[in-house]
Amino acid sequence: MSSETPRDGDLLVRIGAIVFLVGAVATLATVAPLFLGADPLPTAAYFVSMLMGVGFLIAAAGVLRAVAAQRRQARAALSPALAPESASSR
């Protein structure tokens, strides 16, 4: 187990990865019968395959959230450093 503290967006990235993997397995399951000459799976299986895209979007949202949090943190770190200079120039 990691000793790092969870950051903004980490949970979304993990959930997105899990949803993506479920969609990838469903995609393999729906394509396999086509190559093996078996009967195709029901339509619902093809809808589950679309979870790959949904998982990718969830993970991307988590990455964007993490980027925004890091930018906010960097901006907050710079603000106190700039504050005394602007006060002394008055």
C-alpha atoms as a PDB file:
ATOM      1  CA  MET A   1       0.000   0.000   0.000  1.00  0.00           C
ATOM      2  CA  SER A   2       1.268   3.440  -0.875  1.00  0.00           C
ATOM      3  CA  SER A   3       2.019   6.082   1.736  1.00  0.00           C
ATOM      4  CA  GLU A   4       1.032   8.892  -0.663  1.00  0.00           C
ATOM      5  CA  THR A   5      -2.059  10.858   0.159  1.00  0.00           C
ATOM      6  CA  PRO A   6      -4.799  10.635  -2.449  1.00  0.00           C
ATOM      7  CA  ARG A   7      -5.052  13.732  -4.615  1.00  0.00           C
ATOM      8  CA  ASP A   8      -7.913  15.286  -6.507  1.00  0.00           C
ATOM      9  CA  GLY A   9      -8.892  13.127  -9.443  1.00  0.00           C
ATOM     10  CA  ASP A  10      -7.156   9.922  -8.296  1.00  0.00           C
ATOM     11  CA  LEU A  11     -10.431   8.170  -7.557  1.00  0.00           C
ATOM     12  CA  LEU A  12     -11.879   9.154 -10.926  1.00  0.00           C
ATOM     13  CA  VAL A  13      -8.822   7.781 -12.720  1.00  0.00           C
ATOM     14  CA  ARG A  14      -9.081   4.469 -10.859  1.00  0.00           C
ATOM     15  CA  ILE A  15     -12.814   4.148 -11.499  1.00  0.00           C
ATOM     16  CA  GLY A  16     -12.252   5.057 -15.149  1.00  0.00           C
ATOM     17  CA  ALA A  17      -9.595   2.367 -15.487  1.00  0.00           C
ATOM     18  CA  ILE A  18     -11.890  -0.271 -13.993  1.00  0.00           C
ATOM     19  CA  VAL A  19     -14.801   0.727 -16.243  1.00  0.00           C
ATOM     20  CA  PHE A  20     -12.448   0.726 -19.243  1.00  0.00           C
ATOM     21  CA  LEU A  21     -11.225  -2.784 -18.419  1.00  0.00           C
ATOM     22  CA  VAL A  22     -14.804  -4.061 -18.073  1.00  0.00           C
ATOM     23  CA  GLY A  23     -15.546  -2.593 -21.495  1.00  0.00           C
ATOM     24  CA  ALA A  24     -12.388  -4.118 -22.970  1.00  0.00           C
ATOM     25  CA  VAL A  25     -13.305  -7.585 -21.698  1.00  0.00           C
ATOM     26  CA  ALA A  26     -16.835  -7.145 -23.055  1.00  0.00           C
ATOM     27  CA  THR A  27     -15.389  -6.103 -26.410  1.00  0.00           C
ATOM     28  CA  LEU A  28     -13.245  -9.231 -26.558  1.00  0.00           C
ATOM     29  CA  ALA A  29     -16.259 -11.334 -25.603  1.00  0.00           C
ATOM     30  CA  THR A  30     -18.419  -9.804 -28.322  1.00  0.00           C
ATOM     31  CA  VAL A  31     -15.787 -10.025 -31.064  1.00  0.00           C
ATOM     32  CA  ALA A  32     -14.617 -13.579 -30.288  1.00  0.00           C
ATOM     33  CA  PRO A  33     -17.790 -15.312 -31.578  1.00  0.00           C
ATOM     34  CA  LEU A  34     -17.445 -13.466 -34.871  1.00  0.00           C
ATOM     35  CA  PHE A  35     -13.967 -14.936 -35.408  1.00  0.00           C
ATOM     36  CA  LEU A  36     -14.858 -18.367 -34.069  1.00  0.00           C
ATOM     37  CA  GLY A  37     -17.924 -18.771 -36.263  1.00  0.00           C
ATOM     38  CA  ALA A  38     -20.293 -18.994 -33.285  1.00  0.00           C
ATOM     39  CA  ASP A  39     -23.597 -17.211 -32.895  1.00  0.00           C
ATOM     40  CA  PRO A  40     -23.178 -13.521 -32.065  1.00  0.00           C
ATOM     41  CA  LEU A  41     -23.950 -12.347 -28.555  1.00  0.00           C
ATOM     42  CA  PRO A  42     -27.115 -10.388 -27.769  1.00  0.00           C
ATOM     43  CA  THR A  43     -27.271  -6.644 -28.329  1.00  0.00           C
ATOM     44  CA  ALA A  44     -26.819  -5.939 -24.616  1.00  0.00           C
ATOM     45  CA  ALA A  45     -23.259  -7.279 -24.819  1.00  0.00           C
ATOM     46  CA  TYR A  46     -22.443  -4.702 -27.488  1.00  0.00           C
ATOM     47  CA  PHE A  47     -23.769  -1.943 -25.238  1.00  0.00           C
ATOM     48  CA  VAL A  48     -21.487  -3.140 -22.421  1.00  0.00           C
ATOM     49  CA  SER A  49     -18.596  -2.828 -24.892  1.00  0.00           C
ATOM     50  CA  MET A  50     -19.260   0.895 -25.022  1.00  0.00           C
ATOM     51  CA  LEU A  51     -18.008   1.122 -21.448  1.00  0.00           C
ATOM     52  CA  MET A  52     -14.490   1.380 -22.868  1.00  0.00           C
ATOM     53  CA  GLY A  53     -15.235   4.893 -24.069  1.00  0.00           C
ATOM     54  CA  VAL A  54     -17.076   5.799 -20.886  1.00  0.00           C
ATOM     55  CA  GLY A  55     -14.151   4.596 -18.779  1.00  0.00           C
ATOM     56  CA  PHE A  56     -11.742   6.606 -20.890  1.00  0.00           C
ATOM     57  CA  LEU A  57     -13.845   9.748 -20.399  1.00  0.00           C
ATOM     58  CA  ILE A  58     -14.064   9.191 -16.630  1.00  0.00           C
ATOM     59  CA  ALA A  59     -10.288   8.732 -16.395  1.00  0.00           C
ATOM     60  CA  ALA A  60      -9.696  11.812 -18.546  1.00  0.00           C
ATOM     61  CA  ALA A  61     -11.971  13.828 -16.249  1.00  0.00           C
ATOM     62  CA  GLY A  62      -9.889  12.635 -13.294  1.00  0.00           C
ATOM     63  CA  VAL A  63      -6.672  13.714 -15.002  1.00  0.00           C
ATOM     64  CA  LEU A  64      -8.127  17.139 -15.800  1.00  0.00           C
ATOM     65  CA  ARG A  65      -9.279  17.490 -12.201  1.00  0.00           C
ATOM     66  CA  ALA A  66      -5.789  16.624 -10.958  1.00  0.00           C
ATOM     67  CA  VAL A  67      -4.235  19.149 -13.353  1.00  0.00           C
ATOM     68  CA  ALA A  68      -6.602  21.859 -12.139  1.00  0.00           C
ATOM     69  CA  ALA A  69      -5.791  21.063  -8.507  1.00  0.00           C
ATOM     70  CA  GLN A  70      -2.045  21.240  -9.186  1.00  0.00           C
ATOM     71  CA  ARG A  71      -2.440  24.575 -10.959  1.00  0.00           C
ATOM     72  CA  ARG A  72      -4.453  25.934  -8.019  1.00  0.00           C
ATOM     73  CA  GLN A  73      -1.792  24.683  -5.600  1.00  0.00           C
ATOM     74  CA  ALA A  74       1.027  26.240  -7.632  1.00  0.00           C
ATOM     75  CA  ARG A  75      -0.851  29.519  -7.921  1.00  0.00           C
ATOM     76  CA  ALA A  76      -1.464  29.549  -4.149  1.00  0.00           C
ATOM     77  CA  ALA A  77       2.226  28.878  -3.503  1.00  0.00           C
ATOM     78  CA  LEU A  78       3.208  31.854  -5.663  1.00  0.00           C
ATOM     79  CA  SER A  79       0.648  34.260  -4.216  1.00  0.00           C
ATOM     80  CA  PRO A  80       2.186  34.621  -0.706  1.00  0.00           C
ATOM     81  CA  ALA A  81       5.613  35.103  -2.262  1.00  0.00           C
ATOM     82  CA  LEU A  82       4.306  37.981  -4.349  1.00  0.00           C
ATOM     83  CA  ALA A  83       2.188  39.580  -1.627  1.00  0.00           C
ATOM     84  CA  PRO A  84       5.032  41.193   0.446  1.00  0.00           C
ATOM     85  CA  GLU A  85       6.569  42.739  -2.658  1.00  0.00           C
ATOM     86  CA  SER A  86       3.344  44.415  -3.675  1.00  0.00           C
ATOM     87  CA  ALA A  87       2.799  45.707  -0.117  1.00  0.00           C
ATOM     88  CA  SER A  88       6.319  47.170   0.100  1.00  0.00           C
ATOM     89  CA  SER A  89       5.993  48.968  -3.228  1.00  0.00           C
ATOM     90  CA  ARG A  90       3.151  51.146  -1.935  1.00  0.00           C
END
